[in-house]
N, C-alpha and C. Protein backbone atom coordinates (compact mmCIF):
# COMPACT_ATOMS: atom_id res chain seq x y z
N MET A 1 110.14 158.58 64.99
CA MET A 1 111.04 158.29 64.03
C MET A 1 111.62 157.50 65.43
N ALA A 2 112.51 156.95 64.95
CA ALA A 2 114.03 156.07 66.00
C ALA A 2 114.86 156.42 66.77
N THR A 3 115.43 156.49 67.23
CA THR A 3 116.62 156.81 67.68
C THR A 3 117.55 155.82 66.95
N TYR A 4 118.57 156.14 66.50
CA TYR A 4 119.65 154.78 66.10
C TYR A 4 121.29 155.19 67.03
N GLN A 5 121.85 154.80 67.80
CA GLN A 5 123.42 154.71 68.29
C GLN A 5 124.65 153.90 67.26
N ILE A 6 125.07 155.25 66.57
CA ILE A 6 125.78 154.45 65.68
C ILE A 6 127.30 155.60 65.79
N SER A 7 127.65 154.12 65.70
CA SER A 7 129.75 153.61 66.32
C SER A 7 130.41 153.88 65.14
N ILE A 8 131.71 154.76 65.21
CA ILE A 8 132.42 155.14 64.13
C ILE A 8 133.57 154.75 64.64
N SER A 9 134.68 153.80 63.69
CA SER A 9 135.85 153.78 64.44
C SER A 9 136.54 154.95 63.71
N GLU A 10 137.89 154.69 64.44
CA GLU A 10 138.82 156.45 64.22
C GLU A 10 139.18 155.67 62.59
N GLU A 11 139.28 154.33 62.53
CA GLU A 11 140.14 154.22 60.69
C GLU A 11 138.83 155.01 59.91
N GLN A 12 137.55 155.19 60.01
CA GLN A 12 137.05 155.09 59.10
C GLN A 12 136.94 156.57 59.05
N LEU A 13 137.16 156.77 60.27
CA LEU A 13 137.26 158.72 60.04
C LEU A 13 138.55 159.22 59.50
N HIS A 14 139.68 158.97 59.72
CA HIS A 14 140.61 158.75 58.48
C HIS A 14 140.59 158.28 57.27
N GLY A 15 140.20 157.17 57.19
CA GLY A 15 139.09 157.40 56.14
C GLY A 15 138.57 158.05 54.75
N LEU A 16 137.75 158.71 55.75
CA LEU A 16 137.37 159.58 54.36
C LEU A 16 138.13 160.53 53.74
N PHE A 17 139.45 161.06 54.54
CA PHE A 17 140.65 161.51 53.10
C PHE A 17 141.34 160.84 52.54
N ASP A 18 140.91 160.17 53.21
CA ASP A 18 142.30 159.09 51.69
C ASP A 18 141.46 158.25 51.05
N GLY A 19 141.40 159.01 50.21
CA GLY A 19 140.95 158.09 48.68
C GLY A 19 139.28 158.75 48.46
N ASP A 20 139.24 157.97 46.86
CA ASP A 20 137.29 158.37 46.52
C ASP A 20 137.11 157.42 47.46
N ARG A 21 136.82 156.25 47.71
CA ARG A 21 136.00 155.20 48.73
C ARG A 21 135.87 155.64 50.55
N GLY A 22 136.46 156.94 50.67
CA GLY A 22 136.40 157.12 52.46
C GLY A 22 134.92 157.75 52.90
N LEU A 23 133.86 158.07 52.20
CA LEU A 23 132.96 158.82 52.32
C LEU A 23 132.17 157.08 51.66
N ALA A 24 131.43 156.74 50.56
CA ALA A 24 131.45 155.42 50.66
C ALA A 24 131.29 153.96 51.94
N ASN A 25 132.58 154.50 52.70
CA ASN A 25 132.51 153.47 53.49
C ASN A 25 132.18 153.48 54.29
N LEU A 26 132.00 154.82 54.70
CA LEU A 26 131.27 155.44 55.84
C LEU A 26 129.47 155.70 55.11
N LEU A 27 129.02 156.10 54.90
CA LEU A 27 128.36 155.54 54.34
C LEU A 27 127.78 153.82 54.48
N GLU A 28 128.72 153.15 54.29
CA GLU A 28 128.23 151.57 54.40
C GLU A 28 128.38 151.05 55.89
N ALA A 29 128.93 151.71 56.84
CA ALA A 29 129.11 151.66 58.19
C ALA A 29 127.97 151.94 58.60
N VAL A 30 128.29 153.22 58.03
CA VAL A 30 126.61 153.60 58.98
C VAL A 30 125.00 153.00 58.38
N LEU A 31 124.96 153.02 57.16
CA LEU A 31 123.91 152.11 57.17
C LEU A 31 123.07 150.44 57.12
N ASN A 32 124.54 150.17 57.43
CA ASN A 32 124.58 148.50 57.96
C ASN A 32 124.43 148.88 59.60
N GLN A 33 124.85 149.72 60.38
CA GLN A 33 124.49 149.86 61.65
C GLN A 33 123.17 149.84 61.96
N VAL A 34 122.36 150.93 61.31
CA VAL A 34 121.19 150.96 60.91
C VAL A 34 119.83 150.27 60.33
N LEU A 35 120.30 149.07 59.42
CA LEU A 35 119.63 147.84 58.99
C LEU A 35 119.65 147.25 59.97
N GLU A 36 120.49 146.83 61.00
CA GLU A 36 121.07 145.99 61.73
C GLU A 36 120.11 146.79 63.26
N ALA A 37 119.96 147.98 63.29
CA ALA A 37 118.71 148.50 64.72
C ALA A 37 117.57 148.16 64.48
N GLN A 38 117.02 148.50 63.05
CA GLN A 38 115.48 148.03 62.25
C GLN A 38 115.56 146.40 63.06
N ALA A 39 116.02 146.01 62.59
CA ALA A 39 115.92 144.55 62.65
C ALA A 39 115.66 143.62 64.98
N THR A 40 116.21 144.41 64.80
CA THR A 40 116.22 144.48 66.39
C THR A 40 114.85 145.00 66.84
N GLU A 41 114.93 146.14 66.74
CA GLU A 41 113.24 146.75 66.93
C GLU A 41 111.80 146.03 66.44
N GLN A 42 112.30 145.83 64.59
CA GLN A 42 111.48 145.15 64.54
C GLN A 42 110.63 143.98 65.19
N LEU A 43 111.75 142.85 65.49
CA LEU A 43 112.14 141.72 66.88
C LEU A 43 112.06 142.04 67.27
N LYS A 44 111.83 142.80 68.40
CA LYS A 44 112.34 143.31 69.56
C LYS A 44 113.23 142.99 70.30
N ALA A 45 114.21 142.10 70.42
CA ALA A 45 115.37 141.55 71.20
C ALA A 45 116.26 141.69 70.11
N GLU A 46 117.45 141.47 70.69
CA GLU A 46 118.48 141.64 70.43
C GLU A 46 119.10 140.11 70.13
N PRO A 47 120.06 140.04 68.99
CA PRO A 47 120.40 139.16 68.76
C PRO A 47 120.40 138.23 69.56
N TYR A 48 120.44 136.75 70.16
CA TYR A 48 120.44 135.48 71.10
C TYR A 48 120.32 136.25 72.08
N GLN A 49 119.68 137.07 72.70
CA GLN A 49 118.35 137.37 73.43
C GLN A 49 117.08 137.06 73.69
N ARG A 50 116.51 136.37 74.78
CA ARG A 50 115.33 136.14 74.74
C ARG A 50 114.55 136.75 75.47
N THR A 51 113.31 137.08 75.35
CA THR A 51 112.58 137.59 75.31
C THR A 51 111.10 137.56 75.69
N VAL A 52 109.60 137.78 76.18
CA VAL A 52 109.29 137.05 76.03
C VAL A 52 108.81 138.05 74.87
N GLU A 53 108.72 139.62 74.50
CA GLU A 53 108.18 140.52 73.47
C GLU A 53 108.97 139.67 72.21
N ARG A 54 109.75 138.97 72.14
CA ARG A 54 110.11 138.78 70.78
C ARG A 54 109.07 137.92 69.62
N THR A 55 108.95 138.39 68.02
CA THR A 55 108.44 138.20 67.40
C THR A 55 109.26 137.50 66.61
N GLY A 56 109.83 137.30 66.48
CA GLY A 56 110.61 135.98 64.67
C GLY A 56 111.86 136.26 66.00
N TYR A 57 112.77 135.35 64.55
CA TYR A 57 113.90 135.25 64.66
C TYR A 57 115.14 135.74 63.53
N ARG A 58 116.20 136.26 64.07
CA ARG A 58 117.31 135.82 62.30
C ARG A 58 118.26 134.82 62.19
N ASN A 59 117.74 134.75 61.07
CA ASN A 59 118.18 134.26 60.19
C ASN A 59 120.02 134.51 58.99
N GLY A 60 120.99 134.67 60.09
CA GLY A 60 121.99 135.67 58.91
C GLY A 60 121.65 136.77 58.34
N SER A 61 121.58 137.60 57.51
CA SER A 61 121.35 137.88 56.28
C SER A 61 122.37 138.53 54.83
N ARG A 62 121.95 138.74 54.68
CA ARG A 62 121.71 138.56 52.81
C ARG A 62 123.01 139.79 52.15
N ARG A 63 123.69 140.15 50.87
CA ARG A 63 124.30 140.73 50.49
C ARG A 63 123.71 142.01 49.24
N ARG A 64 123.43 142.98 49.34
CA ARG A 64 122.98 143.48 48.66
C ARG A 64 123.77 145.36 48.23
N SER A 65 123.89 145.15 46.98
CA SER A 65 124.41 146.52 46.37
C SER A 65 123.94 147.20 46.20
N LEU A 66 124.37 148.56 46.48
CA LEU A 66 123.90 149.84 45.79
C LEU A 66 124.38 150.54 45.43
N VAL A 67 123.68 151.40 44.15
CA VAL A 67 125.56 151.95 43.03
C VAL A 67 124.68 153.59 44.07
N THR A 68 125.29 154.66 44.05
CA THR A 68 124.41 155.93 44.79
C THR A 68 125.86 156.89 44.15
N ARG A 69 125.59 157.60 44.92
CA ARG A 69 125.99 159.22 44.34
C ARG A 69 127.51 159.24 44.86
N VAL A 70 128.08 158.63 45.79
CA VAL A 70 129.75 158.93 46.00
C VAL A 70 129.91 157.21 46.33
N GLY A 71 129.21 156.80 45.46
CA GLY A 71 130.12 154.98 44.95
C GLY A 71 129.53 153.72 45.32
N SER A 72 129.43 152.82 45.11
CA SER A 72 128.78 151.87 45.19
C SER A 72 129.13 151.82 46.86
N ILE A 73 127.56 150.73 47.54
CA ILE A 73 128.06 150.43 48.85
C ILE A 73 126.56 148.96 48.51
N THR A 74 127.78 148.74 49.50
CA THR A 74 127.12 146.99 49.49
C THR A 74 126.31 147.25 51.14
N PHE A 75 125.73 146.45 51.49
CA PHE A 75 124.18 146.48 53.13
C PHE A 75 124.46 144.74 53.24
N GLU A 76 124.39 144.14 54.33
CA GLU A 76 124.21 143.08 55.01
C GLU A 76 122.67 143.66 55.73
N VAL A 77 121.63 142.68 54.98
CA VAL A 77 120.40 142.87 55.37
C VAL A 77 119.97 141.70 56.02
N PRO A 78 119.70 141.87 57.07
CA PRO A 78 118.95 140.89 57.96
C PRO A 78 118.28 139.99 57.75
N GLN A 79 118.43 138.75 57.59
CA GLN A 79 116.97 138.28 57.28
C GLN A 79 116.22 137.29 58.12
N PHE A 80 115.15 136.61 58.59
CA PHE A 80 114.17 136.67 59.58
C PHE A 80 113.57 135.16 59.10
N ARG A 81 113.69 134.32 59.72
CA ARG A 81 112.85 133.12 59.80
C ARG A 81 112.01 133.14 58.97
N GLU A 82 110.62 133.55 59.46
CA GLU A 82 109.66 133.89 59.06
C GLU A 82 109.24 135.78 58.56
N GLY A 83 108.95 135.59 57.94
CA GLY A 83 108.72 137.34 57.73
C GLY A 83 109.92 138.17 57.30
N LYS A 84 110.10 139.51 56.23
CA LYS A 84 111.24 140.34 56.00
C LYS A 84 111.21 140.77 57.05
N LEU A 85 112.49 141.99 56.41
CA LEU A 85 112.49 142.87 57.25
C LEU A 85 111.26 144.11 56.88
N ASP A 86 111.40 145.04 56.98
CA ASP A 86 110.66 145.93 56.47
C ASP A 86 111.57 147.97 57.41
N THR A 87 112.03 147.77 55.99
CA THR A 87 112.59 148.77 55.67
C THR A 87 112.50 150.34 55.21
N ASP A 88 112.97 151.47 55.10
CA ASP A 88 112.74 152.35 54.42
C ASP A 88 113.96 153.31 53.48
N LEU A 89 115.08 152.23 54.13
CA LEU A 89 116.17 152.89 53.20
C LEU A 89 116.39 152.30 51.61
N PHE A 90 115.72 151.99 51.48
CA PHE A 90 115.60 151.61 50.36
C PHE A 90 113.94 150.07 49.54
N GLU A 91 114.57 150.91 48.47
CA GLU A 91 112.56 150.26 48.12
C GLU A 91 113.05 148.26 47.47
N ARG A 92 112.32 147.67 47.47
CA ARG A 92 112.61 146.40 47.00
C ARG A 92 113.43 146.06 46.15
N TYR A 93 113.13 146.01 45.55
CA TYR A 93 114.42 145.59 43.86
C TYR A 93 115.47 146.76 43.79
N GLN A 94 114.92 147.89 43.91
CA GLN A 94 115.91 149.12 43.96
C GLN A 94 117.47 148.73 43.47
N ARG A 95 117.69 149.23 42.66
CA ARG A 95 119.72 148.24 42.56
C ARG A 95 120.16 149.83 42.11
N SER A 96 119.53 150.88 42.39
CA SER A 96 120.70 152.85 42.43
C SER A 96 119.75 153.27 42.98
N GLU A 97 120.22 155.04 43.46
CA GLU A 97 119.67 156.10 44.17
C GLU A 97 118.71 156.96 43.51
N PRO A 98 118.28 156.38 43.51
CA PRO A 98 116.65 157.76 42.86
C PRO A 98 117.43 159.28 42.32
């Protein structure tokens, strides 16, 4: 199991108590950071970092929505030039939480 360092802004924390979208916005921010960390782990390099161990290159990201019990969440899924991101956050064609 990998360890991820997640940062949450003060605005996001205050947003938890500011309406219905608060928890969904926080969850969206955290899961997008997890996706970026998984991409870095899979490629063995940070964005723009040159290393000998690097296994591929990033090629932007695509938006993907998922309906959960806290609301609709939009992911920024990193794309690679060759291959795809292997993540366990969602299945390939999954559109809603099981």
